[in-house]
């Protein structure tokens, strides 16, 4: 039975923040990256029933950060298309898409990896 609260994502958030701060990224882009990471992390917990999503943060030489969150579910995410403005959930992937420059999902041997990329100078 899944716990009501999502697992603690503070270590992943701190790693992301530290990598971007050390690379002198602006605060607003760091906040965008943190929010996008939070959405992917919570989605892995909520929709894939994953208690410990695997997070990888890579700062590429092109001043692009690539963040991926992996879980064991083979079901790839699909943004909801509902137009109901009163729904309490279902906007996370739209939010990730609006905060980042690239976003996608790749199947893995066991599960999937959902990722985004954010450029420092866009």
N, C-alpha and C. Protein backbone atom coordinates (compact mmCIF):
# COMPACT_ATOMS: atom_id res chain seq x y z
N UNK A 1 0.84 -1.18 0.00
CA UNK A 1 0.00 0.00 0.00
C UNK A 1 0.88 1.25 0.00
N UNK A 2 0.61 2.17 -0.88
CA UNK A 2 1.41 3.38 -1.03
C UNK A 2 1.15 4.35 0.11
N UNK A 3 2.21 4.98 0.55
CA UNK A 3 2.08 6.01 1.58
C UNK A 3 1.35 7.21 0.99
N UNK A 4 0.68 7.98 1.84
CA UNK A 4 -0.07 9.14 1.39
C UNK A 4 0.84 10.25 0.89
N UNK A 5 1.97 10.45 1.56
CA UNK A 5 2.89 11.51 1.17
C UNK A 5 3.98 10.98 0.27
N UNK A 6 4.38 11.80 -0.72
CA UNK A 6 5.45 11.36 -1.61
C UNK A 6 6.77 11.23 -0.84
N UNK A 7 7.69 10.44 -1.37
CA UNK A 7 8.98 10.30 -0.70
C UNK A 7 9.73 11.63 -0.71
N UNK A 8 10.68 11.75 0.19
CA UNK A 8 11.48 12.97 0.33
C UNK A 8 12.36 13.17 -0.90
N UNK A 9 12.23 14.29 -1.53
CA UNK A 9 13.01 14.59 -2.72
C UNK A 9 14.07 15.65 -2.45
N UNK A 10 14.30 15.98 -1.18
CA UNK A 10 15.21 17.08 -0.85
C UNK A 10 16.64 16.82 -1.31
N UNK A 11 17.13 15.60 -1.25
CA UNK A 11 18.50 15.32 -1.70
C UNK A 11 18.65 15.58 -3.19
N UNK A 12 17.66 15.18 -3.98
CA UNK A 12 17.71 15.42 -5.43
C UNK A 12 17.63 16.92 -5.70
N UNK A 13 16.77 17.62 -4.99
CA UNK A 13 16.64 19.07 -5.18
C UNK A 13 17.94 19.78 -4.82
N UNK A 14 18.55 19.38 -3.71
CA UNK A 14 19.81 20.01 -3.29
C UNK A 14 20.93 19.74 -4.28
N UNK A 15 21.00 18.52 -4.82
CA UNK A 15 22.02 18.21 -5.82
C UNK A 15 21.83 19.10 -7.05
N UNK A 16 20.60 19.21 -7.52
CA UNK A 16 20.32 20.04 -8.68
C UNK A 16 20.69 21.49 -8.40
N UNK A 17 20.25 22.00 -7.26
CA UNK A 17 20.54 23.39 -6.90
C UNK A 17 22.04 23.63 -6.80
N UNK A 18 22.77 22.72 -6.17
CA UNK A 18 24.22 22.87 -6.01
C UNK A 18 24.94 22.88 -7.36
N UNK A 19 24.57 21.95 -8.24
CA UNK A 19 25.20 21.88 -9.57
C UNK A 19 24.99 23.19 -10.32
N UNK A 20 23.76 23.69 -10.32
CA UNK A 20 23.47 24.89 -11.08
C UNK A 20 24.05 26.15 -10.43
N UNK A 21 24.05 26.21 -9.11
CA UNK A 21 24.65 27.36 -8.42
C UNK A 21 26.16 27.42 -8.65
N UNK A 22 26.82 26.27 -8.60
CA UNK A 22 28.27 26.23 -8.85
C UNK A 22 28.59 26.64 -10.28
N UNK A 23 27.66 26.42 -11.20
CA UNK A 23 27.86 26.81 -12.60
C UNK A 23 27.37 28.24 -12.85
N UNK A 24 27.00 28.95 -11.77
CA UNK A 24 26.58 30.36 -11.84
C UNK A 24 25.30 30.58 -12.66
N UNK A 25 24.36 29.66 -12.55
CA UNK A 25 23.08 29.84 -13.22
C UNK A 25 22.25 30.87 -12.46
N UNK A 26 21.39 31.62 -13.16
CA UNK A 26 20.53 32.59 -12.49
C UNK A 26 19.50 31.89 -11.60
N UNK A 27 19.13 32.58 -10.52
CA UNK A 27 18.18 32.01 -9.55
C UNK A 27 16.86 31.61 -10.18
N UNK A 28 16.35 32.40 -11.13
CA UNK A 28 15.05 32.07 -11.71
C UNK A 28 15.10 30.76 -12.49
N UNK A 29 16.22 30.48 -13.18
CA UNK A 29 16.34 29.21 -13.89
C UNK A 29 16.52 28.04 -12.92
N UNK A 30 17.21 28.28 -11.83
CA UNK A 30 17.35 27.23 -10.81
C UNK A 30 15.98 26.87 -10.24
N UNK A 31 15.17 27.88 -9.97
CA UNK A 31 13.81 27.61 -9.45
C UNK A 31 12.97 26.86 -10.49
N UNK A 32 13.08 27.23 -11.76
CA UNK A 32 12.34 26.52 -12.81
C UNK A 32 12.77 25.04 -12.85
N UNK A 33 14.08 24.80 -12.78
CA UNK A 33 14.58 23.42 -12.80
C UNK A 33 14.10 22.64 -11.59
N UNK A 34 14.09 23.28 -10.42
CA UNK A 34 13.61 22.60 -9.21
C UNK A 34 12.14 22.24 -9.32
N UNK A 35 11.33 23.15 -9.83
CA UNK A 35 9.90 22.87 -9.97
C UNK A 35 9.65 21.76 -10.98
N UNK A 36 10.37 21.78 -12.10
CA UNK A 36 10.22 20.72 -13.10
C UNK A 36 10.64 19.38 -12.51
N UNK A 37 11.74 19.35 -11.76
CA UNK A 37 12.18 18.12 -11.10
C UNK A 37 11.12 17.63 -10.13
N UNK A 38 10.57 18.53 -9.35
CA UNK A 38 9.53 18.13 -8.39
C UNK A 38 8.35 17.48 -9.08
N UNK A 39 7.91 18.04 -10.19
CA UNK A 39 6.78 17.46 -10.93
C UNK A 39 7.10 16.05 -11.42
N UNK A 40 8.28 15.85 -11.99
CA UNK A 40 8.63 14.51 -12.48
C UNK A 40 8.78 13.52 -11.34
N UNK A 41 9.34 13.97 -10.22
CA UNK A 41 9.55 13.11 -9.06
C UNK A 41 8.20 12.66 -8.48
N UNK A 42 7.31 13.61 -8.30
CA UNK A 42 5.99 13.27 -7.74
C UNK A 42 5.20 12.40 -8.71
N UNK A 43 5.33 12.66 -10.03
CA UNK A 43 4.64 11.81 -11.00
C UNK A 43 5.13 10.37 -10.93
N UNK A 44 6.44 10.17 -10.74
CA UNK A 44 6.97 8.80 -10.62
C UNK A 44 6.39 8.11 -9.40
N UNK A 45 6.22 8.85 -8.33
CA UNK A 45 5.64 8.28 -7.11
C UNK A 45 4.14 8.01 -7.31
N UNK A 46 3.44 9.00 -7.82
CA UNK A 46 1.97 8.90 -7.91
C UNK A 46 1.52 7.92 -8.99
N UNK A 47 2.10 8.00 -10.17
CA UNK A 47 1.59 7.22 -11.30
C UNK A 47 2.31 5.90 -11.51
N UNK A 48 3.53 5.78 -11.00
CA UNK A 48 4.28 4.53 -11.17
C UNK A 48 4.45 3.80 -9.85
N UNK A 49 3.87 4.36 -8.78
CA UNK A 49 3.94 3.75 -7.45
C UNK A 49 5.40 3.48 -7.05
N UNK A 50 6.26 4.44 -7.36
CA UNK A 50 7.69 4.31 -7.09
C UNK A 50 8.03 5.06 -5.81
N UNK A 51 8.52 4.36 -4.81
CA UNK A 51 8.86 4.99 -3.53
C UNK A 51 10.24 5.64 -3.54
N UNK A 52 11.08 5.31 -4.51
CA UNK A 52 12.41 5.90 -4.58
C UNK A 52 12.81 6.12 -6.05
N UNK A 53 12.22 7.12 -6.70
CA UNK A 53 12.60 7.39 -8.08
C UNK A 53 14.09 7.70 -8.18
N UNK A 54 14.71 7.24 -9.26
CA UNK A 54 16.12 7.50 -9.49
C UNK A 54 16.26 8.81 -10.25
N UNK A 55 17.05 9.73 -9.70
CA UNK A 55 17.24 11.04 -10.31
C UNK A 55 18.69 11.16 -10.75
N UNK A 56 18.88 11.62 -11.98
CA UNK A 56 20.23 11.88 -12.51
C UNK A 56 20.25 13.31 -13.02
N UNK A 57 21.25 14.08 -12.56
CA UNK A 57 21.44 15.46 -12.99
C UNK A 57 22.77 15.54 -13.72
N UNK A 58 22.73 16.03 -14.97
CA UNK A 58 23.95 16.14 -15.77
C UNK A 58 24.03 17.56 -16.32
N UNK A 59 25.14 18.22 -16.06
CA UNK A 59 25.38 19.53 -16.65
C UNK A 59 26.26 19.33 -17.88
N UNK A 60 25.71 19.61 -19.03
CA UNK A 60 26.40 19.39 -20.30
C UNK A 60 27.32 20.58 -20.62
N UNK A 61 28.35 20.37 -21.41
CA UNK A 61 29.27 21.46 -21.76
C UNK A 61 28.60 22.63 -22.48
N UNK A 62 27.44 22.40 -23.04
CA UNK A 62 26.71 23.45 -23.76
C UNK A 62 25.92 24.36 -22.82
N UNK A 63 26.19 24.26 -21.50
CA UNK A 63 25.45 24.99 -20.46
C UNK A 63 23.97 24.63 -20.49
N UNK A 64 23.74 23.36 -20.65
CA UNK A 64 22.42 22.77 -20.59
C UNK A 64 22.42 21.77 -19.45
N UNK A 65 21.37 21.80 -18.64
CA UNK A 65 21.22 20.78 -17.62
C UNK A 65 20.20 19.78 -18.12
N UNK A 66 20.51 18.51 -17.94
CA UNK A 66 19.57 17.42 -18.29
C UNK A 66 19.27 16.69 -16.99
N UNK A 67 18.00 16.64 -16.65
CA UNK A 67 17.54 15.98 -15.43
C UNK A 67 16.61 14.85 -15.83
N UNK A 68 16.88 13.66 -15.30
CA UNK A 68 16.00 12.53 -15.61
C UNK A 68 15.55 11.86 -14.32
N UNK A 69 14.33 11.35 -14.37
CA UNK A 69 13.73 10.64 -13.24
C UNK A 69 13.25 9.29 -13.79
N UNK A 70 13.76 8.22 -13.19
CA UNK A 70 13.43 6.88 -13.67
C UNK A 70 12.57 6.14 -12.66
N UNK A 71 11.69 5.30 -13.19
CA UNK A 71 10.87 4.43 -12.34
C UNK A 71 10.69 3.10 -13.08
N UNK A 72 10.02 2.16 -12.44
CA UNK A 72 9.88 0.82 -12.99
C UNK A 72 8.64 0.59 -13.84
N UNK A 73 7.82 1.61 -14.01
CA UNK A 73 6.61 1.45 -14.81
C UNK A 73 6.92 1.64 -16.29
N UNK A 74 6.44 0.74 -17.15
CA UNK A 74 6.68 0.89 -18.59
C UNK A 74 5.75 1.91 -19.25
N UNK A 75 4.74 2.39 -18.52
CA UNK A 75 3.76 3.32 -19.09
C UNK A 75 4.37 4.71 -19.25
N UNK A 76 4.46 5.16 -20.51
CA UNK A 76 5.01 6.48 -20.77
C UNK A 76 3.98 7.56 -20.42
N UNK A 77 4.44 8.71 -19.93
CA UNK A 77 3.50 9.76 -19.54
C UNK A 77 2.84 10.40 -20.75
N UNK A 78 1.60 10.81 -20.54
CA UNK A 78 0.86 11.53 -21.57
C UNK A 78 0.19 12.73 -20.92
N UNK A 79 0.43 13.93 -21.43
CA UNK A 79 -0.25 15.09 -20.86
C UNK A 79 -1.76 14.96 -21.01
N UNK A 80 -2.48 15.36 -20.00
CA UNK A 80 -3.94 15.32 -20.07
C UNK A 80 -4.44 16.42 -21.00
N UNK A 81 -5.55 16.15 -21.62
CA UNK A 81 -6.11 17.11 -22.56
C UNK A 81 -7.41 17.73 -22.06
N UNK A 82 -7.79 17.43 -20.83
CA UNK A 82 -9.02 17.96 -20.28
C UNK A 82 -8.98 19.48 -20.20
N UNK A 83 -10.08 20.10 -20.51
CA UNK A 83 -10.17 21.55 -20.47
C UNK A 83 -10.81 22.04 -19.17
N UNK A 84 -11.09 21.15 -18.24
CA UNK A 84 -11.74 21.53 -16.99
C UNK A 84 -10.76 22.30 -16.10
N UNK A 85 -10.96 23.60 -15.91
CA UNK A 85 -10.03 24.40 -15.12
C UNK A 85 -10.12 24.10 -13.62
N UNK A 86 -11.09 23.31 -13.19
CA UNK A 86 -11.27 23.02 -11.77
C UNK A 86 -10.68 21.69 -11.34
N UNK A 87 -10.05 20.98 -12.27
CA UNK A 87 -9.39 19.73 -11.90
C UNK A 87 -8.24 20.03 -10.95
N UNK A 88 -8.07 19.15 -9.97
CA UNK A 88 -7.03 19.37 -8.96
C UNK A 88 -5.67 18.85 -9.39
N UNK A 89 -5.62 18.05 -10.44
CA UNK A 89 -4.34 17.53 -10.91
C UNK A 89 -4.39 17.41 -12.42
N UNK A 90 -3.25 17.00 -13.00
CA UNK A 90 -3.22 16.76 -14.42
C UNK A 90 -2.51 17.82 -15.23
N UNK A 91 -1.94 18.80 -14.55
CA UNK A 91 -1.25 19.87 -15.28
C UNK A 91 0.27 19.78 -15.18
N UNK A 92 0.79 18.79 -14.49
CA UNK A 92 2.23 18.69 -14.22
C UNK A 92 3.09 18.64 -15.46
N UNK A 93 2.73 17.80 -16.43
CA UNK A 93 3.54 17.69 -17.64
C UNK A 93 3.46 18.97 -18.48
N UNK A 94 2.32 19.64 -18.46
CA UNK A 94 2.21 20.92 -19.15
C UNK A 94 3.13 21.94 -18.48
N UNK A 95 3.19 21.89 -17.16
CA UNK A 95 4.08 22.79 -16.41
C UNK A 95 5.54 22.52 -16.76
N UNK A 96 5.93 21.25 -16.78
CA UNK A 96 7.30 20.89 -17.13
C UNK A 96 7.63 21.40 -18.53
N UNK A 97 6.74 21.20 -19.44
CA UNK A 97 6.96 21.65 -20.82
C UNK A 97 7.12 23.17 -20.88
N UNK A 98 6.36 23.90 -20.08
CA UNK A 98 6.44 25.37 -20.14
C UNK A 98 7.67 25.92 -19.43
N UNK A 99 8.23 25.18 -18.47
CA UNK A 99 9.39 25.64 -17.72
C UNK A 99 10.72 25.29 -18.36
N UNK A 100 10.72 24.32 -19.27
CA UNK A 100 11.97 23.78 -19.80
C UNK A 100 12.05 23.96 -21.31
N UNK A 101 13.20 23.66 -21.87
CA UNK A 101 13.38 23.81 -23.30
C UNK A 101 13.08 22.53 -24.08
N UNK A 102 13.32 21.41 -23.45
CA UNK A 102 13.02 20.11 -24.06
C UNK A 102 12.55 19.17 -22.97
N UNK A 103 11.69 18.24 -23.37
CA UNK A 103 11.08 17.32 -22.42
C UNK A 103 10.74 16.04 -23.16
N UNK A 104 10.89 14.90 -22.50
CA UNK A 104 10.53 13.65 -23.15
C UNK A 104 10.56 12.48 -22.20
N UNK A 105 10.32 11.31 -22.75
CA UNK A 105 10.32 10.07 -21.99
C UNK A 105 10.86 8.97 -22.87
N UNK A 106 11.69 8.13 -22.27
CA UNK A 106 12.30 7.03 -22.99
C UNK A 106 12.04 5.73 -22.26
N UNK A 107 11.61 4.70 -23.00
CA UNK A 107 11.46 3.39 -22.35
C UNK A 107 12.83 2.84 -21.99
N UNK A 108 12.86 2.07 -20.92
CA UNK A 108 14.08 1.37 -20.50
C UNK A 108 13.78 -0.11 -20.45
N UNK A 109 14.81 -0.88 -20.23
CA UNK A 109 14.62 -2.33 -20.12
C UNK A 109 13.59 -2.66 -19.03
N UNK A 110 13.67 -1.92 -17.95
CA UNK A 110 12.74 -2.09 -16.85
C UNK A 110 12.18 -0.72 -16.48
N UNK A 111 11.08 -0.33 -17.10
CA UNK A 111 10.45 0.93 -16.76
C UNK A 111 10.69 2.02 -17.80
N UNK A 112 10.86 3.24 -17.29
CA UNK A 112 11.04 4.38 -18.18
C UNK A 112 11.89 5.44 -17.49
N UNK A 113 12.34 6.38 -18.32
CA UNK A 113 13.08 7.55 -17.84
C UNK A 113 12.39 8.77 -18.44
N UNK A 114 11.94 9.67 -17.58
CA UNK A 114 11.32 10.92 -18.01
C UNK A 114 12.34 12.02 -17.76
N UNK A 115 12.53 12.90 -18.72
CA UNK A 115 13.62 13.87 -18.62
C UNK A 115 13.20 15.24 -19.14
N UNK A 116 14.01 16.22 -18.72
CA UNK A 116 13.89 17.56 -19.31
C UNK A 116 15.28 18.15 -19.45
N UNK A 117 15.38 19.11 -20.35
CA UNK A 117 16.61 19.88 -20.51
C UNK A 117 16.28 21.36 -20.41
N UNK A 118 17.17 22.08 -19.77
CA UNK A 118 17.02 23.51 -19.59
C UNK A 118 18.35 24.15 -19.94
N UNK A 119 18.30 25.16 -20.79
CA UNK A 119 19.51 25.85 -21.24
C UNK A 119 19.75 27.08 -20.37
N UNK A 120 21.01 27.34 -20.04
CA UNK A 120 21.35 28.49 -19.22
C UNK A 120 21.12 29.79 -19.98
N UNK A 121 21.43 29.82 -21.24
CA UNK A 121 21.26 31.03 -22.04
C UNK A 121 20.36 30.71 -23.22
N UNK A 122 19.09 31.00 -23.05
CA UNK A 122 18.14 30.68 -24.12
C UNK A 122 17.68 31.94 -24.81
